[in-house]
Amino acid sequence: GTKKTYGTRGNSFVAVVEFGEKVRAKAVTAGGQSGDV
């Protein structure tokens, strides 16, 4: 019964990675790591 729309799927994990002398990366996960509210 909401009026606003809410996401449940799609971008769930995003990372960009660079492979140089050392690996570098940035990332984000939907919501957070834990399932404990």
Full PDB file with SEQRES, HELIX, SHEET, SSBOND, CRYST1, ORIGX, SCALE, CONECT and MASTER records, all heavy atoms in Angstrom:
SEQRES   1 A   37  GLY THR LYS LYS THR TYR GLY THR ARG GLY ASN SER PHE          
SEQRES   2 A   37  VAL ALA VAL VAL GLU PHE GLY GLU LYS VAL ARG ALA LYS          
SEQRES   3 A   37  ALA VAL THR ALA GLY GLY GLN SER GLY ASP VAL                  
SHEET    1 AA1 2 PHE A  13  PHE A  19  0                                        
SHEET    2 AA1 2 VAL A  23  THR A  29 -1                                        
CRYST1    1.000    1.000    1.000  90.00  90.00  90.00 P 1           1          
ORIGX1      1.000000  0.000000  0.000000        0.00000                         
ORIGX2      0.000000  1.000000  0.000000        0.00000                         
ORIGX3      0.000000  0.000000  1.000000        0.00000                         
SCALE1      1.000000  0.000000  0.000000        0.00000                         
SCALE2      0.000000  1.000000  0.000000        0.00000                         
SCALE3      0.000000  0.000000  1.000000        0.00000                         
ATOM      1  N   GLY A   1       0.784  -1.224   0.000  1.00  0.00           N  
ATOM      2  CA  GLY A   1       0.000   0.000   0.000  1.00  0.00           C  
ATOM      3  C   GLY A   1       0.812   1.269   0.000  1.00  0.00           C  
ATOM      4  O   GLY A   1       0.242   2.363   0.181  1.00  0.00           O  
ATOM      5  N   THR A   2       2.132   1.193  -0.196  1.00  0.00           N  
ATOM      6  CA  THR A   2       2.936   2.419  -0.247  1.00  0.00           C  
ATOM      7  C   THR A   2       2.632   3.190  -1.527  1.00  0.00           C  
ATOM      8  O   THR A   2       2.183   2.633  -2.524  1.00  0.00           O  
ATOM      9  CB  THR A   2       4.442   2.103  -0.202  1.00  0.00           C  
ATOM     10  OG1 THR A   2       4.824   1.394  -1.392  1.00  0.00           O  
ATOM     11  CG2 THR A   2       4.798   1.297   1.031  1.00  0.00           C  
ATOM     12  N   LYS A   3       2.910   4.475  -1.488  1.00  0.00           N  
ATOM     13  CA  LYS A   3       2.832   5.311  -2.683  1.00  0.00           C  
ATOM     14  C   LYS A   3       4.210   5.451  -3.319  1.00  0.00           C  
ATOM     15  O   LYS A   3       4.350   5.422  -4.539  1.00  0.00           O  
ATOM     16  CB  LYS A   3       2.280   6.703  -2.332  1.00  0.00           C  
ATOM     17  CG  LYS A   3       0.916   6.669  -1.645  1.00  0.00           C  
ATOM     18  CD  LYS A   3      -0.147   6.004  -2.499  1.00  0.00           C  
ATOM     19  CE  LYS A   3      -1.517   6.060  -1.819  1.00  0.00           C  
ATOM     20  NZ  LYS A   3      -2.547   5.336  -2.604  1.00  0.00           N  
ATOM     21  N   LYS A   4       5.219   5.608  -2.471  1.00  0.00           N  
ATOM     22  CA  LYS A   4       6.583   5.671  -2.971  1.00  0.00           C  
ATOM     23  C   LYS A   4       7.017   4.287  -3.441  1.00  0.00           C  
ATOM     24  O   LYS A   4       6.457   3.271  -3.012  1.00  0.00           O  
ATOM     25  CB  LYS A   4       7.526   6.167  -1.874  1.00  0.00           C  
ATOM     26  CG  LYS A   4       7.214   7.573  -1.384  1.00  0.00           C  
ATOM     27  CD  LYS A   4       8.089   7.965  -0.205  1.00  0.00           C  
ATOM     28  CE  LYS A   4       7.707   9.342   0.322  1.00  0.00           C  
ATOM     29  NZ  LYS A   4       8.523   9.725   1.515  1.00  0.00           N  
ATOM     30  N   THR A   5       7.990   4.257  -4.326  1.00  0.00           N  
ATOM     31  CA  THR A   5       8.504   2.971  -4.795  1.00  0.00           C  
ATOM     32  C   THR A   5       9.824   2.679  -4.093  1.00  0.00           C  
ATOM     33  O   THR A   5      10.638   3.580  -3.868  1.00  0.00           O  
ATOM     34  CB  THR A   5       8.709   2.964  -6.319  1.00  0.00           C  
ATOM     35  OG1 THR A   5       9.661   3.965  -6.687  1.00  0.00           O  
ATOM     36  CG2 THR A   5       7.406   3.221  -7.040  1.00  0.00           C  
ATOM     37  N   TYR A   6      10.046   1.392  -3.773  1.00  0.00           N  
ATOM     38  CA  TYR A   6      11.234   0.965  -3.031  1.00  0.00           C  
ATOM     39  C   TYR A   6      11.949  -0.147  -3.793  1.00  0.00           C  
ATOM     40  O   TYR A   6      11.322  -1.022  -4.386  1.00  0.00           O  
ATOM     41  CB  TYR A   6      10.842   0.489  -1.637  1.00  0.00           C  
ATOM     42  CG  TYR A   6      10.223   1.575  -0.797  1.00  0.00           C  
ATOM     43  CD1 TYR A   6       8.834   1.752  -0.765  1.00  0.00           C  
ATOM     44  CD2 TYR A   6      11.020   2.449  -0.053  1.00  0.00           C  
ATOM     45  CE1 TYR A   6       8.256   2.763  -0.013  1.00  0.00           C  
ATOM     46  CE2 TYR A   6      10.445   3.468   0.701  1.00  0.00           C  
ATOM     47  CZ  TYR A   6       9.068   3.620   0.717  1.00  0.00           C  
ATOM     48  OH  TYR A   6       8.505   4.630   1.459  1.00  0.00           O  
ATOM     49  N   GLY A   7      13.249  -0.109  -3.753  1.00  0.00           N  
ATOM     50  CA  GLY A   7      14.046  -1.088  -4.471  1.00  0.00           C  
ATOM     51  C   GLY A   7      14.226  -2.369  -3.689  1.00  0.00           C  
ATOM     52  O   GLY A   7      14.365  -2.360  -2.459  1.00  0.00           O  
ATOM     53  N   THR A   8      14.245  -3.488  -4.422  1.00  0.00           N  
ATOM     54  CA  THR A   8      14.499  -4.792  -3.809  1.00  0.00           C  
ATOM     55  C   THR A   8      15.547  -5.584  -4.572  1.00  0.00           C  
ATOM     56  O   THR A   8      15.985  -6.630  -4.109  1.00  0.00           O  
ATOM     57  CB  THR A   8      13.217  -5.643  -3.758  1.00  0.00           C  
ATOM     58  OG1 THR A   8      12.713  -5.822  -5.086  1.00  0.00           O  
ATOM     59  CG2 THR A   8      12.157  -4.986  -2.890  1.00  0.00           C  
ATOM     60  N   ARG A   9      15.948  -5.108  -5.743  1.00  0.00           N  
ATOM     61  CA  ARG A   9      16.943  -5.830  -6.521  1.00  0.00           C  
ATOM     62  C   ARG A   9      17.605  -4.878  -7.507  1.00  0.00           C  
ATOM     63  O   ARG A   9      17.121  -3.785  -7.760  1.00  0.00           O  
ATOM     64  CB  ARG A   9      16.308  -7.012  -7.253  1.00  0.00           C  
ATOM     65  CG  ARG A   9      15.281  -6.644  -8.275  1.00  0.00           C  
ATOM     66  CD  ARG A   9      14.488  -7.852  -8.740  1.00  0.00           C  
ATOM     67  NE  ARG A   9      15.335  -8.975  -9.064  1.00  0.00           N  
ATOM     68  CZ  ARG A   9      14.975 -10.247  -8.903  1.00  0.00           C  
ATOM     69  NH1 ARG A   9      13.783 -10.543  -8.416  1.00  0.00           N  
ATOM     70  NH2 ARG A   9      15.773 -11.225  -9.238  1.00  0.00           N  
ATOM     71  N   GLY A  10      18.705  -5.325  -8.067  1.00  0.00           N  
ATOM     72  CA  GLY A  10      19.465  -4.478  -8.985  1.00  0.00           C  
ATOM     73  C   GLY A  10      20.891  -4.382  -8.481  1.00  0.00           C  
ATOM     74  O   GLY A  10      21.501  -5.386  -8.109  1.00  0.00           O  
ATOM     75  N   ASN A  11      21.440  -3.172  -8.465  1.00  0.00           N  
ATOM     76  CA  ASN A  11      22.788  -2.968  -7.939  1.00  0.00           C  
ATOM     77  C   ASN A  11      22.854  -3.489  -6.502  1.00  0.00           C  
ATOM     78  O   ASN A  11      22.400  -2.843  -5.575  1.00  0.00           O  
ATOM     79  CB  ASN A  11      23.137  -1.473  -7.923  1.00  0.00           C  
ATOM     80  CG  ASN A  11      23.748  -0.997  -9.220  1.00  0.00           C  
ATOM     81  OD1 ASN A  11      23.485  -1.568 -10.262  1.00  0.00           O  
ATOM     82  ND2 ASN A  11      24.555   0.045  -9.155  1.00  0.00           N  
ATOM     83  N   SER A  12      23.412  -4.658  -6.317  1.00  0.00           N  
ATOM     84  CA  SER A  12      23.505  -5.211  -4.968  1.00  0.00           C  
ATOM     85  C   SER A  12      24.919  -5.072  -4.418  1.00  0.00           C  
ATOM     86  O   SER A  12      25.117  -4.954  -3.209  1.00  0.00           O  
ATOM     87  CB  SER A  12      23.090  -6.683  -4.969  1.00  0.00           C  
ATOM     88  OG  SER A  12      23.849  -7.408  -5.919  1.00  0.00           O  
ATOM     89  N   PHE A  13      25.900  -5.110  -5.302  1.00  0.00           N  
ATOM     90  CA  PHE A  13      27.316  -4.920  -4.954  1.00  0.00           C  
ATOM     91  C   PHE A  13      27.961  -4.251  -6.153  1.00  0.00           C  
ATOM     92  O   PHE A  13      27.732  -4.660  -7.292  1.00  0.00           O  
ATOM     93  CB  PHE A  13      27.977  -6.270  -4.668  1.00  0.00           C  
ATOM     94  CG  PHE A  13      29.480  -6.207  -4.488  1.00  0.00           C  
ATOM     95  CD1 PHE A  13      30.036  -5.559  -3.394  1.00  0.00           C  
ATOM     96  CD2 PHE A  13      30.338  -6.806  -5.402  1.00  0.00           C  
ATOM     97  CE1 PHE A  13      31.418  -5.507  -3.225  1.00  0.00           C  
ATOM     98  CE2 PHE A  13      31.711  -6.773  -5.236  1.00  0.00           C  
ATOM     99  CZ  PHE A  13      32.251  -6.120  -4.141  1.00  0.00           C  
ATOM    100  N   VAL A  14      28.719  -3.200  -5.906  1.00  0.00           N  
ATOM    101  CA  VAL A  14      29.422  -2.497  -6.978  1.00  0.00           C  
ATOM    102  C   VAL A  14      30.869  -2.325  -6.545  1.00  0.00           C  
ATOM    103  O   VAL A  14      31.138  -1.871  -5.434  1.00  0.00           O  
ATOM    104  CB  VAL A  14      28.810  -1.109  -7.255  1.00  0.00           C  
ATOM    105  CG1 VAL A  14      29.487  -0.465  -8.469  1.00  0.00           C  
ATOM    106  CG2 VAL A  14      27.304  -1.199  -7.472  1.00  0.00           C  
ATOM    107  N   ALA A  15      31.793  -2.700  -7.423  1.00  0.00           N  
ATOM    108  CA  ALA A  15      33.211  -2.500  -7.137  1.00  0.00           C  
ATOM    109  C   ALA A  15      33.937  -2.102  -8.412  1.00  0.00           C  
ATOM    110  O   ALA A  15      33.617  -2.600  -9.502  1.00  0.00           O  
ATOM    111  CB  ALA A  15      33.838  -3.767  -6.554  1.00  0.00           C  
ATOM    112  N   VAL A  16      34.884  -1.202  -8.280  1.00  0.00           N  
ATOM    113  CA  VAL A  16      35.810  -0.886  -9.364  1.00  0.00           C  
ATOM    114  C   VAL A  16      37.208  -1.234  -8.856  1.00  0.00           C  
ATOM    115  O   VAL A  16      37.562  -0.933  -7.717  1.00  0.00           O  
ATOM    116  CB  VAL A  16      35.721   0.585  -9.800  1.00  0.00           C  
ATOM    117  CG1 VAL A  16      34.416   0.846 -10.529  1.00  0.00           C  
ATOM    118  CG2 VAL A  16      35.851   1.537  -8.611  1.00  0.00           C  
ATOM    119  N   VAL A  17      37.987  -1.907  -9.709  1.00  0.00           N  
ATOM    120  CA  VAL A  17      39.275  -2.470  -9.280  1.00  0.00           C  
ATOM    121  C   VAL A  17      40.357  -2.094 -10.271  1.00  0.00           C  
ATOM    122  O   VAL A  17      40.140  -2.133 -11.488  1.00  0.00           O  
ATOM    123  CB  VAL A  17      39.193  -4.013  -9.181  1.00  0.00           C  
ATOM    124  CG1 VAL A  17      40.429  -4.570  -8.477  1.00  0.00           C  
ATOM    125  CG2 VAL A  17      37.923  -4.461  -8.462  1.00  0.00           C  
ATOM    126  N   GLU A  18      41.536  -1.739  -9.746  1.00  0.00           N  
ATOM    127  CA  GLU A  18      42.702  -1.442 -10.583  1.00  0.00           C  
ATOM    128  C   GLU A  18      43.826  -2.418 -10.238  1.00  0.00           C  
ATOM    129  O   GLU A  18      44.176  -2.592  -9.066  1.00  0.00           O  
ATOM    130  CB  GLU A  18      43.187  -0.006 -10.355  1.00  0.00           C  
ATOM    131  CG  GLU A  18      44.421   0.335 -11.181  1.00  0.00           C  
ATOM    132  CD  GLU A  18      44.935   1.749 -10.940  1.00  0.00           C  
ATOM    133  OE1 GLU A  18      44.251   2.513 -10.234  1.00  0.00           O  
ATOM    134  OE2 GLU A  18      46.022   2.085 -11.447  1.00  0.00           O  
ATOM    135  N   PHE A  19      44.387  -3.047 -11.274  1.00  0.00           N  
ATOM    136  CA  PHE A  19      45.434  -4.044 -11.084  1.00  0.00           C  
ATOM    137  C   PHE A  19      46.793  -3.466 -11.459  1.00  0.00           C  
ATOM    138  O   PHE A  19      47.231  -3.552 -12.605  1.00  0.00           O  
ATOM    139  CB  PHE A  19      45.126  -5.295 -11.915  1.00  0.00           C  
ATOM    140  CG  PHE A  19      43.850  -5.967 -11.518  1.00  0.00           C  
ATOM    141  CD1 PHE A  19      42.680  -5.747 -12.234  1.00  0.00           C  
ATOM    142  CD2 PHE A  19      43.803  -6.791 -10.404  1.00  0.00           C  
ATOM    143  CE1 PHE A  19      41.492  -6.346 -11.860  1.00  0.00           C  
ATOM    144  CE2 PHE A  19      42.622  -7.396 -10.016  1.00  0.00           C  
ATOM    145  CZ  PHE A  19      41.465  -7.175 -10.744  1.00  0.00           C  
ATOM    146  N   GLY A  20      47.450  -2.842 -10.482  1.00  0.00           N  
ATOM    147  CA  GLY A  20      48.785  -2.300 -10.678  1.00  0.00           C  
ATOM    148  C   GLY A  20      49.797  -3.070  -9.850  1.00  0.00           C  
ATOM    149  O   GLY A  20      49.632  -4.266  -9.597  1.00  0.00           O  
ATOM    150  N   GLU A  21      50.850  -2.395  -9.416  1.00  0.00           N  
ATOM    151  CA  GLU A  21      51.820  -3.053  -8.529  1.00  0.00           C  
ATOM    152  C   GLU A  21      51.129  -3.536  -7.265  1.00  0.00           C  
ATOM    153  O   GLU A  21      51.493  -4.567  -6.696  1.00  0.00           O  
ATOM    154  CB  GLU A  21      52.948  -2.083  -8.181  1.00  0.00           C  
ATOM    155  CG  GLU A  21      53.879  -1.779  -9.354  1.00  0.00           C  
ATOM    156  CD  GLU A  21      55.058  -0.921  -8.936  1.00  0.00           C  
ATOM    157  OE1 GLU A  21      55.282  -0.767  -7.711  1.00  0.00           O  
ATOM    158  OE2 GLU A  21      55.755  -0.417  -9.826  1.00  0.00           O  
ATOM    159  N   LYS A  22      50.142  -2.761  -6.827  1.00  0.00           N  
ATOM    160  CA  LYS A  22      49.251  -3.197  -5.750  1.00  0.00           C  
ATOM    161  C   LYS A  22      47.820  -3.034  -6.248  1.00  0.00           C  
ATOM    162  O   LYS A  22      47.523  -2.107  -7.003  1.00  0.00           O  
ATOM    163  CB  LYS A  22      49.466  -2.358  -4.480  1.00  0.00           C  
ATOM    164  CG  LYS A  22      50.862  -2.481  -3.887  1.00  0.00           C  
ATOM    165  CD  LYS A  22      51.004  -1.644  -2.623  1.00  0.00           C  
ATOM    166  CE  LYS A  22      50.263  -2.255  -1.460  1.00  0.00           C  
ATOM    167  NZ  LYS A  22      50.498  -1.531  -0.180  1.00  0.00           N  
ATOM    168  N   VAL A  23      46.959  -3.937  -5.859  1.00  0.00           N  
ATOM    169  CA  VAL A  23      45.570  -3.837  -6.273  1.00  0.00           C  
ATOM    170  C   VAL A  23      44.887  -2.738  -5.466  1.00  0.00           C  
ATOM    171  O   VAL A  23      45.130  -2.577  -4.268  1.00  0.00           O  
ATOM    172  CB  VAL A  23      44.846  -5.191  -6.100  1.00  0.00           C  
ATOM    173  CG1 VAL A  23      44.720  -5.587  -4.633  1.00  0.00           C  
ATOM    174  CG2 VAL A  23      43.481  -5.165  -6.770  1.00  0.00           C  
ATOM    175  N   ARG A  24      44.066  -1.938  -6.150  1.00  0.00           N  
ATOM    176  CA  ARG A  24      43.283  -0.881  -5.511  1.00  0.00           C  
ATOM    177  C   ARG A  24      41.819  -1.088  -5.878  1.00  0.00           C  
ATOM    178  O   ARG A  24      41.507  -1.482  -7.010  1.00  0.00           O  
ATOM    179  CB  ARG A  24      43.726   0.510  -5.973  1.00  0.00           C  
ATOM    180  CG  ARG A  24      45.125   0.911  -5.581  1.00  0.00           C  
ATOM    181  CD  ARG A  24      45.480   2.276  -6.185  1.00  0.00           C  
ATOM    182  NE  ARG A  24      44.530   3.309  -5.809  1.00  0.00           N  
ATOM    183  CZ  ARG A  24      43.877   4.088  -6.679  1.00  0.00           C  
ATOM    184  NH1 ARG A  24      44.044   3.936  -7.981  1.00  0.00           N  
ATOM    185  NH2 ARG A  24      43.032   5.014  -6.252  1.00  0.00           N  
ATOM    186  N   ALA A  25      40.929  -0.791  -4.935  1.00  0.00           N  
ATOM    187  CA  ALA A  25      39.512  -0.999  -5.224  1.00  0.00           C  
ATOM    188  C   ALA A  25      38.648  -0.080  -4.377  1.00  0.00           C  
ATOM    189  O   ALA A  25      39.031   0.355  -3.284  1.00  0.00           O  
ATOM    190  CB  ALA A  25      39.122  -2.452  -4.976  1.00  0.00           C  
ATOM    191  N   LYS A  26      37.469   0.208  -4.908  1.00  0.00           N  
ATOM    192  CA  LYS A  26      36.407   0.899  -4.182  1.00  0.00           C  
ATOM    193  C   LYS A  26      35.130   0.093  -4.376  1.00  0.00           C  
ATOM    194  O   LYS A  26      34.939  -0.548  -5.418  1.00  0.00           O  
ATOM    195  CB  LYS A  26      36.218   2.323  -4.708  1.00  0.00           C  
ATOM    196  CG  LYS A  26      37.420   3.234  -4.494  1.00  0.00           C  
ATOM    197  CD  LYS A  26      37.131   4.652  -4.988  1.00  0.00           C  
ATOM    198  CE  LYS A  26      38.309   5.572  -4.716  1.00  0.00           C  
ATOM    199  NZ  LYS A  26      38.032   6.976  -5.149  1.00  0.00           N  
ATOM    200  N   ALA A  27      34.244   0.142  -3.379  1.00  0.00           N  
ATOM    201  CA  ALA A  27      33.048  -0.706  -3.468  1.00  0.00           C  
ATOM    202  C   ALA A  27      31.926  -0.151  -2.601  1.00  0.00           C  
ATOM    203  O   ALA A  27      32.123   0.736  -1.770  1.00  0.00           O  
ATOM    204  CB  ALA A  27      33.381  -2.130  -3.032  1.00  0.00           C  
ATOM    205  N   VAL A  28      30.739  -0.702  -2.806  1.00  0.00           N  
ATOM    206  CA  VAL A  28      29.601  -0.446  -1.921  1.00  0.00           C  
ATOM    207  C   VAL A  28      28.669  -1.646  -2.009  1.00  0.00           C  
ATOM    208  O   VAL A  28      28.579  -2.302  -3.045  1.00  0.00           O  
ATOM    209  CB  VAL A  28      28.852   0.857  -2.299  1.00  0.00           C  
ATOM    210  CG1 VAL A  28      28.064   0.698  -3.597  1.00  0.00           C  
ATOM    211  CG2 VAL A  28      27.948   1.327  -1.172  1.00  0.00           C  
ATOM    212  N   THR A  29      28.002  -1.936  -0.899  1.00  0.00           N  
ATOM    213  CA  THR A  29      27.019  -3.016  -0.817  1.00  0.00           C  
ATOM    214  C   THR A  29      25.678  -2.419  -0.419  1.00  0.00           C  
ATOM    215  O   THR A  29      25.619  -1.509   0.416  1.00  0.00           O  
ATOM    216  CB  THR A  29      27.452  -4.068   0.219  1.00  0.00           C  
ATOM    217  OG1 THR A  29      28.613  -4.746  -0.261  1.00  0.00           O  
ATOM    218  CG2 THR A  29      26.361  -5.093   0.473  1.00  0.00           C  
ATOM    219  N   ALA A  30      24.608  -2.912  -1.000  1.00  0.00           N  
ATOM    220  CA  ALA A  30      23.271  -2.414  -0.666  1.00  0.00           C  
ATOM    221  C   ALA A  30      23.020  -2.552   0.832  1.00  0.00           C  
ATOM    222  O   ALA A  30      23.122  -3.643   1.389  1.00  0.00           O  
ATOM    223  CB  ALA A  30      22.209  -3.173  -1.452  1.00  0.00           C  
ATOM    224  N   GLY A  31      22.709  -1.447   1.482  1.00  0.00           N  
ATOM    225  CA  GLY A  31      22.346  -1.465   2.902  1.00  0.00           C  
ATOM    226  C   GLY A  31      23.532  -1.563   3.819  1.00  0.00           C  
ATOM    227  O   GLY A  31      24.021  -0.579   4.346  1.00  0.00           O  
ATOM    228  N   GLY A  32      24.019  -2.779   4.013  1.00  0.00           N  
ATOM    229  CA  GLY A  32      25.127  -3.010   4.926  1.00  0.00           C  
ATOM    230  C   GLY A  32      25.460  -4.481   5.002  1.00  0.00           C  
ATOM    231  O   GLY A  32      24.774  -5.331   4.427  1.00  0.00           O  
ATOM    232  N   GLN A  33      26.496  -4.792   5.750  1.00  0.00           N  
ATOM    233  CA  GLN A  33      27.029  -6.146   5.800  1.00  0.00           C  
ATOM    234  C   GLN A  33      26.162  -7.114   6.598  1.00  0.00           C  
ATOM    235  O   GLN A  33      26.047  -8.282   6.260  1.00  0.00           O  
ATOM    236  CB  GLN A  33      28.435  -6.104   6.427  1.00  0.00           C  
ATOM    237  CG  GLN A  33      29.122  -7.438   6.587  1.00  0.00           C  
ATOM    238  CD  GLN A  33      29.558  -8.042   5.262  1.00  0.00           C  
ATOM    239  OE1 GLN A  33      29.668  -7.351   4.261  1.00  0.00           O  
ATOM    240  NE2 GLN A  33      29.810  -9.343   5.248  1.00  0.00           N  
ATOM    241  N   SER A  34      25.536  -6.622   7.649  1.00  0.00           N  
ATOM    242  CA  SER A  34      24.848  -7.507   8.593  1.00  0.00           C  
ATOM    243  C   SER A  34      23.353  -7.593   8.315  1.00  0.00           C  
ATOM    244  O   SER A  34      22.720  -6.623   7.888  1.00  0.00           O  
ATOM    245  CB  SER A  34      25.066  -7.012  10.026  1.00  0.00           C  
ATOM    246  OG  SER A  34      24.337  -7.790  10.944  1.00  0.00           O  
ATOM    247  N   GLY A  35      22.791  -8.758   8.606  1.00  0.00           N  
ATOM    248  CA  GLY A  35      21.349  -8.935   8.536  1.00  0.00           C  
ATOM    249  C   GLY A  35      20.649  -8.676   9.854  1.00  0.00           C  
ATOM    250  O   GLY A  35      19.431  -8.820   9.953  1.00  0.00           O  
ATOM    251  N   ASP A  36      21.408  -8.282  10.867  1.00  0.00           N  
ATOM    252  CA  ASP A  36      20.870  -8.023  12.205  1.00  0.00           C  
ATOM    253  C   ASP A  36      20.498  -6.555  12.320  1.00  0.00           C  
ATOM    254  O   ASP A  36      21.358  -5.677  12.241  1.00  0.00           O  
ATOM    255  CB  ASP A  36      21.913  -8.397  13.261  1.00  0.00           C  
ATOM    256  CG  ASP A  36      21.425  -8.151  14.682  1.00  0.00           C  
ATOM    257  OD1 ASP A  36      20.265  -7.717  14.864  1.00  0.00           O  
ATOM    258  OD2 ASP A  36      22.220  -8.395  15.618  1.00  0.00           O  
ATOM    259  N   VAL A  37      19.219  -6.268  12.509  1.00  0.00           N  
ATOM    260  CA  VAL A  37      18.757  -4.885  12.555  1.00  0.00           C  
ATOM    261  C   VAL A  37      19.409  -4.106  13.694  1.00  0.00           C  
ATOM    262  O   VAL A  37      19.484  -2.868  13.651  1.00  0.00           O  
ATOM    263  CB  VAL A  37      17.216  -4.854  12.677  1.00  0.00           C  
ATOM    264  CG1 VAL A  37      16.768  -5.360  14.032  1.00  0.00           C  
ATOM    265  CG2 VAL A  37      16.664  -3.473  12.380  1.00  0.00           C  
TER     266      VAL A  37                                                      
MASTER        0    0    0    0    2    0    0    6  265    1    0    3          
END                                                                             
